[in-house]
Amino acid sequence: PRCVVENWVHRHWQDFESLWLNRSIELFSFEQVSLGNSQVMEIEHTAT
């Protein structure tokens, strides 16, 4: 989606290029969803 290109690819080009271009991005699919606050708190990353 245009919004994803703007906020991920364009804004973070260097990281996108080095980290994601070799990940078969043509197969990625995106869906916009609404998350409640408790669901936001369940978003994960590495512990640190």
ModelCIF file with pLDDT and N, C-alpha, C, O atoms, coordinates in Angstrom:
data_MODEL
#
_entry.id   MODEL 
#
_entity.id                         1 
_entity.type                       polymer 
_entity.pdbx_number_of_molecules   1 
#
_entity_poly.entity_id                      1 
_entity_poly.type                           'polypeptide(L)' 
_entity_poly.nstd_linkage                   no 
_entity_poly.nstd_monomer                   no 
_entity_poly.pdbx_seq_one_letter_code       PRCVVENWVHRHWQDFESLWLNRSIELFSFEQVSLGNSQVMEIEHTAT 
_entity_poly.pdbx_seq_one_letter_code_can   PRCVVENWVHRHWQDFESLWLNRSIELFSFEQVSLGNSQVMEIEHTAT 
_entity_poly.pdbx_strand_id                 A 
#
loop_
_entity_poly_seq.entity_id 
_entity_poly_seq.num 
_entity_poly_seq.mon_id 
_entity_poly_seq.hetero 
1 1  PRO n 
1 2  ARG n 
1 3  CYS n 
1 4  VAL n 
1 5  VAL n 
1 6  GLU n 
1 7  ASN n 
1 8  TRP n 
1 9  VAL n 
1 10 HIS n 
1 11 ARG n 
1 12 HIS n 
1 13 TRP n 
1 14 GLN n 
1 15 ASP n 
1 16 PHE n 
1 17 GLU n 
1 18 SER n 
1 19 LEU n 
1 20 TRP n 
1 21 LEU n 
1 22 ASN n 
1 23 ARG n 
1 24 SER n 
1 25 ILE n 
1 26 GLU n 
1 27 LEU n 
1 28 PHE n 
1 29 SER n 
1 30 PHE n 
1 31 GLU n 
1 32 GLN n 
1 33 VAL n 
1 34 SER n 
1 35 LEU n 
1 36 GLY n 
1 37 ASN n 
1 38 SER n 
1 39 GLN n 
1 40 VAL n 
1 41 MET n 
1 42 GLU n 
1 43 ILE n 
1 44 GLU n 
1 45 HIS n 
1 46 THR n 
1 47 ALA n 
1 48 THR n 
#
_struct_asym.id          A 
_struct_asym.entity_id   1 
#
loop_
_ma_qa_metric.id 
_ma_qa_metric.mode 
_ma_qa_metric.name 
_ma_qa_metric.software_group_id 
_ma_qa_metric.type 
1 global pLDDT . pLDDT 
2 local  pLDDT . pLDDT 
#
_ma_qa_metric_global.metric_id      1 
_ma_qa_metric_global.metric_value   95.17 
_ma_qa_metric_global.model_id       1 
_ma_qa_metric_global.ordinal_id     1 
#
loop_
_ma_qa_metric_local.label_asym_id 
_ma_qa_metric_local.label_comp_id 
_ma_qa_metric_local.label_seq_id 
_ma_qa_metric_local.metric_id 
_ma_qa_metric_local.metric_value 
_ma_qa_metric_local.model_id 
_ma_qa_metric_local.ordinal_id 
A PRO 1  2 98.00 1 1  
A ARG 2  2 98.00 1 2  
A CYS 3  2 97.00 1 3  
A VAL 4  2 98.00 1 4  
A VAL 5  2 98.00 1 5  
A GLU 6  2 98.00 1 6  
A ASN 7  2 97.00 1 7  
A TRP 8  2 98.00 1 8  
A VAL 9  2 98.00 1 9  
A HIS 10 2 98.00 1 10 
A ARG 11 2 96.00 1 11 
A HIS 12 2 96.00 1 12 
A TRP 13 2 97.00 1 13 
A GLN 14 2 96.00 1 14 
A ASP 15 2 96.00 1 15 
A PHE 16 2 97.00 1 16 
A GLU 17 2 96.00 1 17 
A SER 18 2 95.00 1 18 
A LEU 19 2 94.00 1 19 
A TRP 20 2 95.00 1 20 
A LEU 21 2 94.00 1 21 
A ASN 22 2 92.00 1 22 
A ARG 23 2 93.00 1 23 
A SER 24 2 94.00 1 24 
A ILE 25 2 96.00 1 25 
A GLU 26 2 96.00 1 26 
A LEU 27 2 96.00 1 27 
A PHE 28 2 97.00 1 28 
A SER 29 2 97.00 1 29 
A PHE 30 2 98.00 1 30 
A GLU 31 2 98.00 1 31 
A GLN 32 2 98.00 1 32 
A VAL 33 2 98.00 1 33 
A SER 34 2 98.00 1 34 
A LEU 35 2 98.00 1 35 
A GLY 36 2 98.00 1 36 
A ASN 37 2 98.00 1 37 
A SER 38 2 98.00 1 38 
A GLN 39 2 98.00 1 39 
A VAL 40 2 98.00 1 40 
A MET 41 2 96.00 1 41 
A GLU 42 2 95.00 1 42 
A ILE 43 2 96.00 1 43 
A GLU 44 2 92.00 1 44 
A HIS 45 2 88.00 1 45 
A THR 46 2 79.00 1 46 
A ALA 47 2 68.00 1 47 
A THR 48 2 85.00 1 48 
#
loop_
_atom_site.group_PDB 
_atom_site.id 
_atom_site.type_symbol 
_atom_site.label_atom_id 
_atom_site.label_alt_id 
_atom_site.label_comp_id 
_atom_site.label_asym_id 
_atom_site.label_entity_id 
_atom_site.label_seq_id 
_atom_site.pdbx_PDB_ins_code 
_atom_site.Cartn_x 
_atom_site.Cartn_y 
_atom_site.Cartn_z 
_atom_site.occupancy 
_atom_site.B_iso_or_equiv 
_atom_site.pdbx_formal_charge 
_atom_site.auth_seq_id 
_atom_site.auth_comp_id 
_atom_site.auth_asym_id 
_atom_site.auth_atom_id 
_atom_site.pdbx_PDB_model_num 
ATOM 1   N N  . PRO A 1 1  ? 0.829  -1.206  0.000  1.00 98.00 ? 1  PRO A N  1 
ATOM 2   C CA . PRO A 1 1  ? 0.000  0.000   0.000  1.00 98.00 ? 1  PRO A CA 1 
ATOM 3   C C  . PRO A 1 1  ? 0.868  1.262   0.000  1.00 98.00 ? 1  PRO A C  1 
ATOM 4   O O  . PRO A 1 1  ? 1.983  1.263   0.521  1.00 98.00 ? 1  PRO A O  1 
ATOM 5   N N  . ARG A 1 2  ? 0.346  2.315   -0.582 1.00 98.00 ? 2  ARG A N  1 
ATOM 6   C CA . ARG A 1 2  ? 1.065  3.588   -0.674 1.00 98.00 ? 2  ARG A CA 1 
ATOM 7   C C  . ARG A 1 2  ? 1.594  4.022   0.696  1.00 98.00 ? 2  ARG A C  1 
ATOM 8   O O  . ARG A 1 2  ? 2.743  4.448   0.813  1.00 98.00 ? 2  ARG A O  1 
ATOM 9   N N  . CYS A 1 3  ? 0.775  3.915   1.710  1.00 97.00 ? 3  CYS A N  1 
ATOM 10  C CA . CYS A 1 3  ? 1.166  4.308   3.076  1.00 97.00 ? 3  CYS A CA 1 
ATOM 11  C C  . CYS A 1 3  ? 2.381  3.511   3.560  1.00 97.00 ? 3  CYS A C  1 
ATOM 12  O O  . CYS A 1 3  ? 3.258  4.058   4.229  1.00 97.00 ? 3  CYS A O  1 
ATOM 13  N N  . VAL A 1 4  ? 2.429  2.238   3.224  1.00 98.00 ? 4  VAL A N  1 
ATOM 14  C CA . VAL A 1 4  ? 3.556  1.384   3.623  1.00 98.00 ? 4  VAL A CA 1 
ATOM 15  C C  . VAL A 1 4  ? 4.817  1.790   2.866  1.00 98.00 ? 4  VAL A C  1 
ATOM 16  O O  . VAL A 1 4  ? 5.901  1.852   3.445  1.00 98.00 ? 4  VAL A O  1 
ATOM 17  N N  . VAL A 1 5  ? 4.673  2.063   1.580  1.00 98.00 ? 5  VAL A N  1 
ATOM 18  C CA . VAL A 1 5  ? 5.830  2.515   0.796  1.00 98.00 ? 5  VAL A CA 1 
ATOM 19  C C  . VAL A 1 5  ? 6.373  3.813   1.397  1.00 98.00 ? 5  VAL A C  1 
ATOM 20  O O  . VAL A 1 5  ? 7.586  3.979   1.526  1.00 98.00 ? 5  VAL A O  1 
ATOM 21  N N  . GLU A 1 6  ? 5.493  4.714   1.757  1.00 98.00 ? 6  GLU A N  1 
ATOM 22  C CA . GLU A 1 6  ? 5.925  6.007   2.297  1.00 98.00 ? 6  GLU A CA 1 
ATOM 23  C C  . GLU A 1 6  ? 6.603  5.869   3.660  1.00 98.00 ? 6  GLU A C  1 
ATOM 24  O O  . GLU A 1 6  ? 7.683  6.420   3.871  1.00 98.00 ? 6  GLU A O  1 
ATOM 25  N N  . ASN A 1 7  ? 5.985  5.145   4.574  1.00 97.00 ? 7  ASN A N  1 
ATOM 26  C CA . ASN A 1 7  ? 6.468  5.125   5.954  1.00 97.00 ? 7  ASN A CA 1 
ATOM 27  C C  . ASN A 1 7  ? 7.500  4.052   6.258  1.00 97.00 ? 7  ASN A C  1 
ATOM 28  O O  . ASN A 1 7  ? 8.193  4.125   7.273  1.00 97.00 ? 7  ASN A O  1 
ATOM 29  N N  . TRP A 1 8  ? 7.607  3.062   5.391  1.00 98.00 ? 8  TRP A N  1 
ATOM 30  C CA . TRP A 1 8  ? 8.608  2.021   5.617  1.00 98.00 ? 8  TRP A CA 1 
ATOM 31  C C  . TRP A 1 8  ? 9.719  2.126   4.581  1.00 98.00 ? 8  TRP A C  1 
ATOM 32  O O  . TRP A 1 8  ? 10.884 2.319   4.929  1.00 98.00 ? 8  TRP A O  1 
ATOM 33  N N  . VAL A 1 9  ? 9.360  2.001   3.323  1.00 98.00 ? 9  VAL A N  1 
ATOM 34  C CA . VAL A 1 9  ? 10.379 1.944   2.271  1.00 98.00 ? 9  VAL A CA 1 
ATOM 35  C C  . VAL A 1 9  ? 11.069 3.303   2.097  1.00 98.00 ? 9  VAL A C  1 
ATOM 36  O O  . VAL A 1 9  ? 12.292 3.389   2.208  1.00 98.00 ? 9  VAL A O  1 
ATOM 37  N N  . HIS A 1 10 ? 10.311 4.348   1.829  1.00 98.00 ? 10 HIS A N  1 
ATOM 38  C CA . HIS A 1 10 ? 10.886 5.663   1.548  1.00 98.00 ? 10 HIS A CA 1 
ATOM 39  C C  . HIS A 1 10 ? 11.560 6.248   2.781  1.00 98.00 ? 10 HIS A C  1 
ATOM 40  O O  . HIS A 1 10 ? 12.691 6.730   2.702  1.00 98.00 ? 10 HIS A O  1 
ATOM 41  N N  . ARG A 1 11 ? 10.882 6.211   3.909  1.00 96.00 ? 11 ARG A N  1 
ATOM 42  C CA . ARG A 1 11 ? 11.415 6.850   5.119  1.00 96.00 ? 11 ARG A CA 1 
ATOM 43  C C  . ARG A 1 11 ? 12.632 6.106   5.683  1.00 96.00 ? 11 ARG A C  1 
ATOM 44  O O  . ARG A 1 11 ? 13.502 6.717   6.304  1.00 96.00 ? 11 ARG A O  1 
ATOM 45  N N  . HIS A 1 12 ? 12.689 4.800   5.468  1.00 96.00 ? 12 HIS A N  1 
ATOM 46  C CA . HIS A 1 12 ? 13.770 3.979   6.038  1.00 96.00 ? 12 HIS A CA 1 
ATOM 47  C C  . HIS A 1 12 ? 14.506 3.217   4.939  1.00 96.00 ? 12 HIS A C  1 
ATOM 48  O O  . HIS A 1 12 ? 14.844 2.046   5.111  1.00 96.00 ? 12 HIS A O  1 
ATOM 49  N N  . TRP A 1 13 ? 14.752 3.873   3.822  1.00 97.00 ? 13 TRP A N  1 
ATOM 50  C CA . TRP A 1 13 ? 15.294 3.196   2.654  1.00 97.00 ? 13 TRP A CA 1 
ATOM 51  C C  . TRP A 1 13 ? 16.514 2.338   2.959  1.00 97.00 ? 13 TRP A C  1 
ATOM 52  O O  . TRP A 1 13 ? 16.557 1.174   2.560  1.00 97.00 ? 13 TRP A O  1 
ATOM 53  N N  . GLN A 1 14 ? 17.490 2.874   3.644  1.00 96.00 ? 14 GLN A N  1 
ATOM 54  C CA . GLN A 1 14 ? 18.748 2.134   3.851  1.00 96.00 ? 14 GLN A CA 1 
ATOM 55  C C  . GLN A 1 14 ? 18.499 0.809   4.577  1.00 96.00 ? 14 GLN A C  1 
ATOM 56  O O  . GLN A 1 14 ? 19.023 -0.226  4.164  1.00 96.00 ? 14 GLN A O  1 
ATOM 57  N N  . ASP A 1 15 ? 17.720 0.828   5.635  1.00 96.00 ? 15 ASP A N  1 
ATOM 58  C CA . ASP A 1 15 ? 17.398 -0.412  6.347  1.00 96.00 ? 15 ASP A CA 1 
ATOM 59  C C  . ASP A 1 15 ? 16.518 -1.322  5.493  1.00 96.00 ? 15 ASP A C  1 
ATOM 60  O O  . ASP A 1 15 ? 16.730 -2.534  5.457  1.00 96.00 ? 15 ASP A O  1 
ATOM 61  N N  . PHE A 1 16 ? 15.531 -0.745  4.808  1.00 97.00 ? 16 PHE A N  1 
ATOM 62  C CA . PHE A 1 16 ? 14.664 -1.563  3.968  1.00 97.00 ? 16 PHE A CA 1 
ATOM 63  C C  . PHE A 1 16 ? 15.485 -2.280  2.909  1.00 97.00 ? 16 PHE A C  1 
ATOM 64  O O  . PHE A 1 16 ? 15.312 -3.477  2.679  1.00 97.00 ? 16 PHE A O  1 
ATOM 65  N N  . GLU A 1 17 ? 16.370 -1.547  2.273  1.00 96.00 ? 17 GLU A N  1 
ATOM 66  C CA . GLU A 1 17 ? 17.199 -2.122  1.215  1.00 96.00 ? 17 GLU A CA 1 
ATOM 67  C C  . GLU A 1 17 ? 18.088 -3.244  1.759  1.00 96.00 ? 17 GLU A C  1 
ATOM 68  O O  . GLU A 1 17 ? 18.147 -4.326  1.175  1.00 96.00 ? 17 GLU A O  1 
ATOM 69  N N  . SER A 1 18 ? 18.771 -2.991  2.859  1.00 95.00 ? 18 SER A N  1 
ATOM 70  C CA . SER A 1 18 ? 19.735 -3.977  3.352  1.00 95.00 ? 18 SER A CA 1 
ATOM 71  C C  . SER A 1 18 ? 19.085 -5.158  4.064  1.00 95.00 ? 18 SER A C  1 
ATOM 72  O O  . SER A 1 18 ? 19.643 -6.255  4.075  1.00 95.00 ? 18 SER A O  1 
ATOM 73  N N  . LEU A 1 19 ? 17.915 -4.946  4.654  1.00 94.00 ? 19 LEU A N  1 
ATOM 74  C CA . LEU A 1 19 ? 17.305 -6.010  5.457  1.00 94.00 ? 19 LEU A CA 1 
ATOM 75  C C  . LEU A 1 19 ? 16.170 -6.764  4.766  1.00 94.00 ? 19 LEU A C  1 
ATOM 76  O O  . LEU A 1 19 ? 15.986 -7.954  5.020  1.00 94.00 ? 19 LEU A O  1 
ATOM 77  N N  . TRP A 1 20 ? 15.411 -6.103  3.906  1.00 95.00 ? 20 TRP A N  1 
ATOM 78  C CA . TRP A 1 20 ? 14.164 -6.706  3.444  1.00 95.00 ? 20 TRP A CA 1 
ATOM 79  C C  . TRP A 1 20 ? 14.099 -7.021  1.957  1.00 95.00 ? 20 TRP A C  1 
ATOM 80  O O  . TRP A 1 20 ? 13.271 -7.839  1.555  1.00 95.00 ? 20 TRP A O  1 
ATOM 81  N N  . LEU A 1 21 ? 14.928 -6.414  1.131  1.00 94.00 ? 21 LEU A N  1 
ATOM 82  C CA . LEU A 1 21 ? 14.794 -6.626  -0.307 1.00 94.00 ? 21 LEU A CA 1 
ATOM 83  C C  . LEU A 1 21 ? 14.983 -8.077  -0.738 1.00 94.00 ? 21 LEU A C  1 
ATOM 84  O O  . LEU A 1 21 ? 14.418 -8.495  -1.749 1.00 94.00 ? 21 LEU A O  1 
ATOM 85  N N  . ASN A 1 22 ? 15.751 -8.836  -0.008 1.00 92.00 ? 22 ASN A N  1 
ATOM 86  C CA . ASN A 1 22 ? 15.985 -10.233 -0.385 1.00 92.00 ? 22 ASN A CA 1 
ATOM 87  C C  . ASN A 1 22 ? 14.987 -11.187 0.277  1.00 92.00 ? 22 ASN A C  1 
ATOM 88  O O  . ASN A 1 22 ? 15.238 -12.391 0.341  1.00 92.00 ? 22 ASN A O  1 
ATOM 89  N N  . ARG A 1 23 ? 13.872 -10.669 0.764  1.00 93.00 ? 23 ARG A N  1 
ATOM 90  C CA . ARG A 1 23 ? 12.885 -11.465 1.510  1.00 93.00 ? 23 ARG A CA 1 
ATOM 91  C C  . ARG A 1 23 ? 11.635 -11.792 0.703  1.00 93.00 ? 23 ARG A C  1 
ATOM 92  O O  . ARG A 1 23 ? 10.576 -12.007 1.292  1.00 93.00 ? 23 ARG A O  1 
ATOM 93  N N  . SER A 1 24 ? 11.719 -11.838 -0.604 1.00 94.00 ? 24 SER A N  1 
ATOM 94  C CA . SER A 1 24 ? 10.549 -12.129 -1.460 1.00 94.00 ? 24 SER A CA 1 
ATOM 95  C C  . SER A 1 24 ? 9.401  -11.165 -1.168 1.00 94.00 ? 24 SER A C  1 
ATOM 96  O O  . SER A 1 24 ? 8.268  -11.586 -0.936 1.00 94.00 ? 24 SER A O  1 
ATOM 97  N N  . ILE A 1 25 ? 9.708  -9.867  -1.180 1.00 96.00 ? 25 ILE A N  1 
ATOM 98  C CA . ILE A 1 25 ? 8.716  -8.863  -0.801 1.00 96.00 ? 25 ILE A CA 1 
ATOM 99  C C  . ILE A 1 25 ? 7.509  -8.835  -1.734 1.00 96.00 ? 25 ILE A C  1 
ATOM 100 O O  . ILE A 1 25 ? 6.449  -8.330  -1.363 1.00 96.00 ? 25 ILE A O  1 
ATOM 101 N N  . GLU A 1 26 ? 7.664  -9.371  -2.937 1.00 96.00 ? 26 GLU A N  1 
ATOM 102 C CA . GLU A 1 26 ? 6.519  -9.426  -3.843 1.00 96.00 ? 26 GLU A CA 1 
ATOM 103 C C  . GLU A 1 26 ? 5.425  -10.351 -3.322 1.00 96.00 ? 26 GLU A C  1 
ATOM 104 O O  . GLU A 1 26 ? 4.292  -10.315 -3.802 1.00 96.00 ? 26 GLU A O  1 
ATOM 105 N N  . LEU A 1 27 ? 5.771  -11.187 -2.330 1.00 96.00 ? 27 LEU A N  1 
ATOM 106 C CA . LEU A 1 27 ? 4.803  -12.107 -1.718 1.00 96.00 ? 27 LEU A CA 1 
ATOM 107 C C  . LEU A 1 27 ? 4.206  -11.569 -0.418 1.00 96.00 ? 27 LEU A C  1 
ATOM 108 O O  . LEU A 1 27 ? 3.313  -12.199 0.150  1.00 96.00 ? 27 LEU A O  1 
ATOM 109 N N  . PHE A 1 28 ? 4.672  -10.437 0.054  1.00 97.00 ? 28 PHE A N  1 
ATOM 110 C CA . PHE A 1 28 ? 4.113  -9.838  1.272  1.00 97.00 ? 28 PHE A CA 1 
ATOM 111 C C  . PHE A 1 28 ? 2.660  -9.438  0.986  1.00 97.00 ? 28 PHE A C  1 
ATOM 112 O O  . PHE A 1 28 ? 2.331  -9.001  -0.117 1.00 97.00 ? 28 PHE A O  1 
ATOM 113 N N  . SER A 1 29 ? 1.815  -9.591  1.981  1.00 97.00 ? 29 SER A N  1 
ATOM 114 C CA . SER A 1 29 ? 0.452  -9.061  1.861  1.00 97.00 ? 29 SER A CA 1 
ATOM 115 C C  . SER A 1 29 ? 0.149  -8.239  3.105  1.00 97.00 ? 29 SER A C  1 
ATOM 116 O O  . SER A 1 29 ? 0.589  -8.561  4.208  1.00 97.00 ? 29 SER A O  1 
ATOM 117 N N  . PHE A 1 30 ? -0.613 -7.168  2.900  1.00 98.00 ? 30 PHE A N  1 
ATOM 118 C CA . PHE A 1 30 ? -0.897 -6.207  3.954  1.00 98.00 ? 30 PHE A CA 1 
ATOM 119 C C  . PHE A 1 30 ? -2.397 -6.084  4.151  1.00 98.00 ? 30 PHE A C  1 
ATOM 120 O O  . PHE A 1 30 ? -3.176 -6.101  3.198  1.00 98.00 ? 30 PHE A O  1 
ATOM 121 N N  . GLU A 1 31 ? -2.779 -5.958  5.414  1.00 98.00 ? 31 GLU A N  1 
ATOM 122 C CA . GLU A 1 31 ? -4.179 -5.743  5.760  1.00 98.00 ? 31 GLU A CA 1 
ATOM 123 C C  . GLU A 1 31 ? -4.229 -4.721  6.885  1.00 98.00 ? 31 GLU A C  1 
ATOM 124 O O  . GLU A 1 31 ? -3.521 -4.850  7.883  1.00 98.00 ? 31 GLU A O  1 
ATOM 125 N N  . GLN A 1 32 ? -5.058 -3.719  6.720  1.00 98.00 ? 32 GLN A N  1 
ATOM 126 C CA . GLN A 1 32 ? -5.202 -2.712  7.765  1.00 98.00 ? 32 GLN A CA 1 
ATOM 127 C C  . GLN A 1 32 ? -6.220 -3.220  8.786  1.00 98.00 ? 32 GLN A C  1 
ATOM 128 O O  . GLN A 1 32 ? -7.323 -3.632  8.427  1.00 98.00 ? 32 GLN A O  1 
ATOM 129 N N  . VAL A 1 33 ? -5.832 -3.185  10.062 1.00 98.00 ? 33 VAL A N  1 
ATOM 130 C CA . VAL A 1 33 ? -6.700 -3.651  11.140 1.00 98.00 ? 33 VAL A CA 1 
ATOM 131 C C  . VAL A 1 33 ? -6.658 -2.643  12.292 1.00 98.00 ? 33 VAL A C  1 
ATOM 132 O O  . VAL A 1 33 ? -5.766 -1.798  12.369 1.00 98.00 ? 33 VAL A O  1 
ATOM 133 N N  . SER A 1 34 ? -7.625 -2.755  13.166 1.00 98.00 ? 34 SER A N  1 
ATOM 134 C CA . SER A 1 34 ? -7.706 -1.905  14.350 1.00 98.00 ? 34 SER A CA 1 
ATOM 135 C C  . SER A 1 34 ? -7.341 -2.751  15.565 1.00 98.00 ? 34 SER A C  1 
ATOM 136 O O  . SER A 1 34 ? -7.868 -3.849  15.747 1.00 98.00 ? 34 SER A O  1 
ATOM 137 N N  . LEU A 1 35 ? -6.433 -2.232  16.399 1.00 98.00 ? 35 LEU A N  1 
ATOM 138 C CA . LEU A 1 35 ? -6.043 -2.929  17.625 1.00 98.00 ? 35 LEU A CA 1 
ATOM 139 C C  . LEU A 1 35 ? -6.438 -2.089  18.830 1.00 98.00 ? 35 LEU A C  1 
ATOM 140 O O  . LEU A 1 35 ? -6.226 -0.877  18.854 1.00 98.00 ? 35 LEU A O  1 
ATOM 141 N N  . GLY A 1 36 ? -7.011 -2.746  19.824 1.00 98.00 ? 36 GLY A N  1 
ATOM 142 C CA . GLY A 1 36 ? -7.289 -2.085  21.093 1.00 98.00 ? 36 GLY A CA 1 
ATOM 143 C C  . GLY A 1 36 ? -5.999 -1.909  21.879 1.00 98.00 ? 36 GLY A C  1 
ATOM 144 O O  . GLY A 1 36 ? -4.964 -2.469  21.519 1.00 98.00 ? 36 GLY A O  1 
ATOM 145 N N  . ASN A 1 37 ? -6.062 -1.133  22.945 1.00 98.00 ? 37 ASN A N  1 
ATOM 146 C CA . ASN A 1 37 ? -4.859 -0.855  23.731 1.00 98.00 ? 37 ASN A CA 1 
ATOM 147 C C  . ASN A 1 37 ? -4.226 -2.109  24.309 1.00 98.00 ? 37 ASN A C  1 
ATOM 148 O O  . ASN A 1 37 ? -3.000 -2.209  24.342 1.00 98.00 ? 37 ASN A O  1 
ATOM 149 N N  . SER A 1 38 ? -5.022 -3.068  24.766 1.00 98.00 ? 38 SER A N  1 
ATOM 150 C CA . SER A 1 38 ? -4.428 -4.304  25.304 1.00 98.00 ? 38 SER A CA 1 
ATOM 151 C C  . SER A 1 38 ? -3.721 -5.086  24.198 1.00 98.00 ? 38 SER A C  1 
ATOM 152 O O  . SER A 1 38 ? -2.704 -5.731  24.456 1.00 98.00 ? 38 SER A O  1 
ATOM 153 N N  . GLN A 1 39 ? -4.242 -5.039  22.975 1.00 98.00 ? 39 GLN A N  1 
ATOM 154 C CA . GLN A 1 39 ? -3.591 -5.708  21.841 1.00 98.00 ? 39 GLN A CA 1 
ATOM 155 C C  . GLN A 1 39 ? -2.296 -4.996  21.462 1.00 98.00 ? 39 GLN A C  1 
ATOM 156 O O  . GLN A 1 39 ? -1.321 -5.646  21.087 1.00 98.00 ? 39 GLN A O  1 
ATOM 157 N N  . VAL A 1 40 ? -2.279 -3.670  21.556 1.00 98.00 ? 40 VAL A N  1 
ATOM 158 C CA . VAL A 1 40 ? -1.043 -2.919  21.283 1.00 98.00 ? 40 VAL A CA 1 
ATOM 159 C C  . VAL A 1 40 ? 0.041  -3.362  22.258 1.00 98.00 ? 40 VAL A C  1 
ATOM 160 O O  . VAL A 1 40 ? 1.200  -3.511  21.872 1.00 98.00 ? 40 VAL A O  1 
ATOM 161 N N  . MET A 1 41 ? -0.327 -3.571  23.512 1.00 96.00 ? 41 MET A N  1 
ATOM 162 C CA . MET A 1 41 ? 0.654  -3.980  24.520 1.00 96.00 ? 41 MET A CA 1 
ATOM 163 C C  . MET A 1 41 ? 1.168  -5.404  24.273 1.00 96.00 ? 41 MET A C  1 
ATOM 164 O O  . MET A 1 41 ? 2.156  -5.813  24.884 1.00 96.00 ? 41 MET A O  1 
ATOM 165 N N  . GLU A 1 42 ? 0.517  -6.158  23.391 1.00 95.00 ? 42 GLU A N  1 
ATOM 166 C CA . GLU A 1 42 ? 0.961  -7.514  23.047 1.00 95.00 ? 42 GLU A CA 1 
ATOM 167 C C  . GLU A 1 42 ? 1.897  -7.539  21.841 1.00 95.00 ? 42 GLU A C  1 
ATOM 168 O O  . GLU A 1 42 ? 2.399  -8.601  21.473 1.00 95.00 ? 42 GLU A O  1 
ATOM 169 N N  . ILE A 1 43 ? 2.137  -6.381  21.222 1.00 96.00 ? 43 ILE A N  1 
ATOM 170 C CA . ILE A 1 43 ? 3.095  -6.321  20.115 1.00 96.00 ? 43 ILE A CA 1 
ATOM 171 C C  . ILE A 1 43 ? 4.469  -6.626  20.684 1.00 96.00 ? 43 ILE A C  1 
ATOM 172 O O  . ILE A 1 43 ? 4.851  -6.091  21.725 1.00 96.00 ? 43 ILE A O  1 
ATOM 173 N N  . GLU A 1 44 ? 5.212  -7.490  19.996 1.00 92.00 ? 44 GLU A N  1 
ATOM 174 C CA . GLU A 1 44 ? 6.481  -7.967  20.525 1.00 92.00 ? 44 GLU A CA 1 
ATOM 175 C C  . GLU A 1 44 ? 7.668  -7.529  19.676 1.00 92.00 ? 44 GLU A C  1 
ATOM 176 O O  . GLU A 1 44 ? 7.543  -7.127  18.519 1.00 92.00 ? 44 GLU A O  1 
ATOM 177 N N  . HIS A 1 45 ? 8.803  -7.631  20.309 1.00 88.00 ? 45 HIS A N  1 
ATOM 178 C CA . HIS A 1 45 ? 10.098 -7.419  19.672 1.00 88.00 ? 45 HIS A CA 1 
ATOM 179 C C  . HIS A 1 45 ? 11.066 -8.242  20.528 1.00 88.00 ? 45 HIS A C  1 
ATOM 180 O O  . HIS A 1 45 ? 10.621 -9.017  21.373 1.00 88.00 ? 45 HIS A O  1 
ATOM 181 N N  . THR A 1 46 ? 12.342 -8.094  20.332 1.00 79.00 ? 46 THR A N  1 
ATOM 182 C CA . THR A 1 46 ? 13.251 -8.805  21.224 1.00 79.00 ? 46 THR A CA 1 
ATOM 183 C C  . THR A 1 46 ? 13.089 -8.229  22.629 1.00 79.00 ? 46 THR A C  1 
ATOM 184 O O  . THR A 1 46 ? 12.671 -7.082  22.785 1.00 79.00 ? 46 THR A O  1 
ATOM 185 N N  . ALA A 1 47 ? 13.414 -9.011  23.636 1.00 68.00 ? 47 ALA A N  1 
ATOM 186 C CA . ALA A 1 47 ? 13.206 -8.594  25.034 1.00 68.00 ? 47 ALA A CA 1 
ATOM 187 C C  . ALA A 1 47 ? 13.902 -7.275  25.345 1.00 68.00 ? 47 ALA A C  1 
ATOM 188 O O  . ALA A 1 47 ? 13.326 -6.416  26.012 1.00 68.00 ? 47 ALA A O  1 
ATOM 189 N N  . THR A 1 48 ? 15.111 -7.106  24.880 1.00 85.00 ? 48 THR A N  1 
ATOM 190 C CA . THR A 1 48 ? 15.826 -5.873  25.180 1.00 85.00 ? 48 THR A CA 1 
ATOM 191 C C  . THR A 1 48 ? 15.217 -4.677  24.456 1.00 85.00 ? 48 THR A C  1 
ATOM 192 O O  . THR A 1 48 ? 15.702 -3.555  24.600 1.00 85.00 ? 48 THR A O  1 
#
